[in-house]
C-alpha atoms as a PDB file:
ATOM      1  CA  UNK A   1       0.356  -0.356   0.037  1.00  0.00           C
ATOM      2  CA  UNK A   2       0.958   4.000  -0.476  1.00  0.00           C
ATOM      3  CA  UNK A   3       1.234   5.879   2.628  1.00  0.00           C
ATOM      4  CA  UNK A   4       1.888   9.946   1.342  1.00  0.00           C
ATOM      5  CA  UNK A   5       4.147  12.129   3.308  1.00  0.00           C
ATOM      6  CA  UNK A   6       5.148  15.849   2.947  1.00  0.00           C
ATOM      7  CA  UNK A   7       8.811  13.964   3.049  1.00  0.00           C
ATOM      8  CA  UNK A   8       7.722  11.493   0.058  1.00  0.00           C
ATOM      9  CA  UNK A   9       6.246   8.437  -0.545  1.00  0.00           C
ATOM     10  CA  UNK A  10       6.281   5.005   1.749  1.00  0.00           C
ATOM     11  CA  UNK A  11       5.498   2.309  -0.223  1.00  0.00           C
ATOM     12  CA  UNK A  12       4.922  -1.365   1.663  1.00  0.00           C
ATOM     13  CA  UNK A  13       4.829  -5.226   0.343  1.00  0.00           C
ATOM     14  CA  UNK A  14       3.882  -8.589   0.767  1.00  0.00           C
ATOM     15  CA  UNK A  15       6.449 -10.493  -0.684  1.00  0.00           C
ATOM     16  CA  UNK A  16       6.443 -14.546  -0.816  1.00  0.00           C
ATOM     17  CA  UNK A  17       7.719 -16.913   1.304  1.00  0.00           C
ATOM     18  CA  UNK A  18      10.529 -17.560  -1.287  1.00  0.00           C
ATOM     19  CA  UNK A  19      11.854 -13.972  -1.484  1.00  0.00           C
ATOM     20  CA  UNK A  20      12.390 -13.848   1.932  1.00  0.00           C
ATOM     21  CA  UNK A  21      14.047 -17.503   2.158  1.00  0.00           C
ATOM     22  CA  UNK A  22      16.458 -16.752  -1.422  1.00  0.00           C
ATOM     23  CA  UNK A  23      16.768 -12.951  -1.015  1.00  0.00           C
ATOM     24  CA  UNK A  24      18.869 -10.762   1.049  1.00  0.00           C
ATOM     25  CA  UNK A  25      17.403 -10.536   4.614  1.00  0.00           C
ATOM     26  CA  UNK A  26      17.902  -7.212   5.056  1.00  0.00           C
ATOM     27  CA  UNK A  27      16.955  -5.469   1.573  1.00  0.00           C
ATOM     28  CA  UNK A  28      17.402  -5.941  -1.266  1.00  0.00           C
ATOM     29  CA  UNK A  29      16.266  -3.716  -4.012  1.00  0.00           C
ATOM     30  CA  UNK A  30      13.438  -3.146  -7.150  1.00  0.00           C
ATOM     31  CA  UNK A  31      12.650  -1.969 -10.225  1.00  0.00           C
ATOM     32  CA  UNK A  32       9.463   0.486  -9.679  1.00  0.00           C
ATOM     33  CA  UNK A  33       7.530   1.641 -13.160  1.00  0.00           C
ATOM     34  CA  UNK A  34       4.562   3.364 -12.362  1.00  0.00           C
ATOM     35  CA  UNK A  35       2.202   3.677 -15.754  1.00  0.00           C
ATOM     36  CA  UNK A  36       0.414   6.753 -14.982  1.00  0.00           C
ATOM     37  CA  UNK A  37       3.705   8.693 -14.170  1.00  0.00           C
ATOM     38  CA  UNK A  38       5.665   6.962 -18.027  1.00  0.00           C
ATOM     39  CA  UNK A  39       5.347   3.750 -19.164  1.00  0.00           C
ATOM     40  CA  UNK A  40       8.464   3.415 -20.308  1.00  0.00           C
ATOM     41  CA  UNK A  41      10.649   4.084 -16.505  1.00  0.00           C
ATOM     42  CA  UNK A  42      11.569   2.285 -14.533  1.00  0.00           C
ATOM     43  CA  UNK A  43      13.491   3.255 -11.063  1.00  0.00           C
ATOM     44  CA  UNK A  44      15.808   0.978  -8.963  1.00  0.00           C
ATOM     45  CA  UNK A  45      15.077   1.667  -4.919  1.00  0.00           C
ATOM     46  CA  UNK A  46      15.957  -0.077  -1.533  1.00  0.00           C
ATOM     47  CA  UNK A  47      13.886  -2.625   0.123  1.00  0.00           C
ATOM     48  CA  UNK A  48      13.677  -2.657   3.780  1.00  0.00           C
ATOM     49  CA  UNK A  49      12.824  -5.064   6.081  1.00  0.00           C
ATOM     50  CA  UNK A  50       9.527  -4.002   8.254  1.00  0.00           C
ATOM     51  CA  UNK A  51      10.405  -4.457  11.444  1.00  0.00           C
ATOM     52  CA  UNK A  52       7.387  -5.535  12.773  1.00  0.00           C
ATOM     53  CA  UNK A  53       5.914  -8.345   9.978  1.00  0.00           C
ATOM     54  CA  UNK A  54       9.718  -9.900   8.541  1.00  0.00           C
ATOM     55  CA  UNK A  55       7.226 -10.832   5.217  1.00  0.00           C
ATOM     56  CA  UNK A  56       7.015  -7.050   4.670  1.00  0.00           C
ATOM     57  CA  UNK A  57       9.288  -4.780   2.272  1.00  0.00           C
ATOM     58  CA  UNK A  58       9.381  -1.164   1.867  1.00  0.00           C
ATOM     59  CA  UNK A  59      10.183   1.517  -0.019  1.00  0.00           C
ATOM     60  CA  UNK A  60      11.134   4.944   0.263  1.00  0.00           C
ATOM     61  CA  UNK A  61      11.149   7.458  -2.436  1.00  0.00           C
ATOM     62  CA  UNK A  62      11.854  10.991  -1.614  1.00  0.00           C
ATOM     63  CA  UNK A  63      10.882  13.756  -4.252  1.00  0.00           C
ATOM     64  CA  UNK A  64      14.543  14.625  -5.082  1.00  0.00           C
ATOM     65  CA  UNK A  65      14.026  14.727  -9.501  1.00  0.00           C
ATOM     66  CA  UNK A  66      11.453  15.169 -11.879  1.00  0.00           C
ATOM     67  CA  UNK A  67      10.399  11.109 -11.399  1.00  0.00           C
ATOM     68  CA  UNK A  68       9.961  11.222  -7.907  1.00  0.00           C
ATOM     69  CA  UNK A  69       8.419  14.532  -7.472  1.00  0.00           C
ATOM     70  CA  UNK A  70       6.042  13.511  -9.954  1.00  0.00           C
ATOM     71  CA  UNK A  71       5.049  10.670  -7.641  1.00  0.00           C
ATOM     72  CA  UNK A  72       4.793  12.224  -5.092  1.00  0.00           C
ATOM     73  CA  UNK A  73       2.250  15.196  -6.377  1.00  0.00           C
ATOM     74  CA  UNK A  74       1.056  12.287  -8.565  1.00  0.00           C
ATOM     75  CA  UNK A  75      -0.129  10.311  -5.504  1.00  0.00           C
ATOM     76  CA  UNK A  76      -1.189  13.811  -3.127  1.00  0.00           C
ATOM     77  CA  UNK A  77      -4.058  13.991  -5.987  1.00  0.00           C
ATOM     78  CA  UNK A  78      -5.280  10.289  -5.692  1.00  0.00           C
ATOM     79  CA  UNK A  79      -6.828   7.688  -3.337  1.00  0.00           C
ATOM     80  CA  UNK A  80      -3.648   6.070  -2.393  1.00  0.00           C
ATOM     81  CA  UNK A  81      -5.349   3.128  -0.552  1.00  0.00           C
ATOM     82  CA  UNK A  82      -5.064   0.690  -2.732  1.00  0.00           C
ATOM     83  CA  UNK A  83      -2.625  -2.511  -3.392  1.00  0.00           C
ATOM     84  CA  UNK A  84       0.580  -2.527  -4.963  1.00  0.00           C
ATOM     85  CA  UNK A  85       1.476  -5.669  -7.280  1.00  0.00           C
END
């Protein structure tokens, strides 16, 4: 799910048991695409394990460039209480 903060967008997602067993224990990285921003742009972000739930990973997107600022502005204008996958 999305959580919009003044400092950026916080994403939380469930990961599979396989990912938990085979992936890095404390994080890793993933590529993110928001088609409503640009279908052709994928951006790499660090994954962080949720300390309260090891089956979840989190991403924080700070508005530091054009694409990340567009993500924040878009999420502020949308209903962001929805799942991501």
